[in-house]
Protein backbone atom coordinates (compact mmCIF):
# COMPACT_ATOMS: atom_id res chain seq x y z
CA MET A 1 0.00 0.00 0.00
CA ALA A 2 1.20 3.51 -0.75
CA GLU A 3 2.31 5.61 2.17
CA LYS A 4 -0.09 8.43 3.02
CA THR A 5 1.42 11.88 2.96
CA LYS A 6 0.03 15.14 4.21
CA PRO A 7 -1.35 17.18 1.30
CA ALA A 8 0.27 20.51 0.55
CA ASP A 9 -1.27 23.57 2.14
CA PRO A 10 -4.01 24.89 -0.16
CA GLN A 11 -3.18 28.05 -2.10
CA ILE A 12 -4.91 30.16 -4.71
CA SER A 13 -3.27 30.88 -8.06
CA SER A 14 -1.37 33.86 -6.60
CA LYS A 15 0.27 31.54 -4.02
CA ILE A 16 -1.63 33.04 -1.07
CA PRO A 17 -2.32 30.38 1.61
CA VAL A 18 -5.96 29.49 2.20
CA ARG A 19 -7.25 28.84 5.74
CA PRO A 20 -9.91 26.19 6.43
CA LEU A 21 -12.18 28.77 8.09
CA TYR A 22 -12.25 32.54 7.94
CA THR A 23 -13.88 34.35 10.86
CA PRO A 24 -15.17 37.92 11.14
CA GLY A 25 -11.96 38.79 12.97
CA ASP A 26 -10.05 38.25 9.73
CA LEU A 27 -11.67 41.30 8.10
CA ASP A 28 -10.90 44.82 9.25
CA GLY A 29 -13.74 47.32 9.54
CA ASN A 30 -16.60 44.84 9.10
CA ASP A 31 -18.97 43.64 11.80
CA LEU A 32 -19.64 40.33 10.09
CA GLU A 33 -20.03 38.44 13.37
CA THR A 34 -23.44 40.03 13.85
CA ARG A 35 -24.30 40.13 10.13
CA VAL A 36 -23.20 36.63 9.06
CA GLY A 37 -22.23 34.61 12.14
CA TYR A 38 -20.52 31.21 12.28
CA PRO A 39 -21.47 27.95 10.54
CA GLY A 40 -24.14 26.05 12.50
CA GLN A 41 -25.19 29.05 14.59
CA TYR A 42 -28.20 31.34 14.34
CA PRO A 43 -29.13 33.04 11.96
CA PHE A 44 -27.82 30.10 9.85
CA THR A 45 -26.63 32.30 6.99
CA ARG A 46 -23.71 29.90 6.45
CA GLY A 47 -25.74 26.68 6.83
CA ILE A 48 -27.19 24.71 9.73
CA GLN A 49 -24.24 22.29 10.01
CA PRO A 50 -21.02 23.51 11.67
CA THR A 51 -18.89 21.44 9.27
């Protein structure tokens, strides 16, 4: 069986690393925590499942 290796960190075409989850704290000047929220939490703008 082939040995499993950790995949490379995801990047966009401009070689900027991509995080698995972006939170409102990642954006300056926006109050997205109250406008959008987190996955799986009310008002469910990002879906009802947290994953």
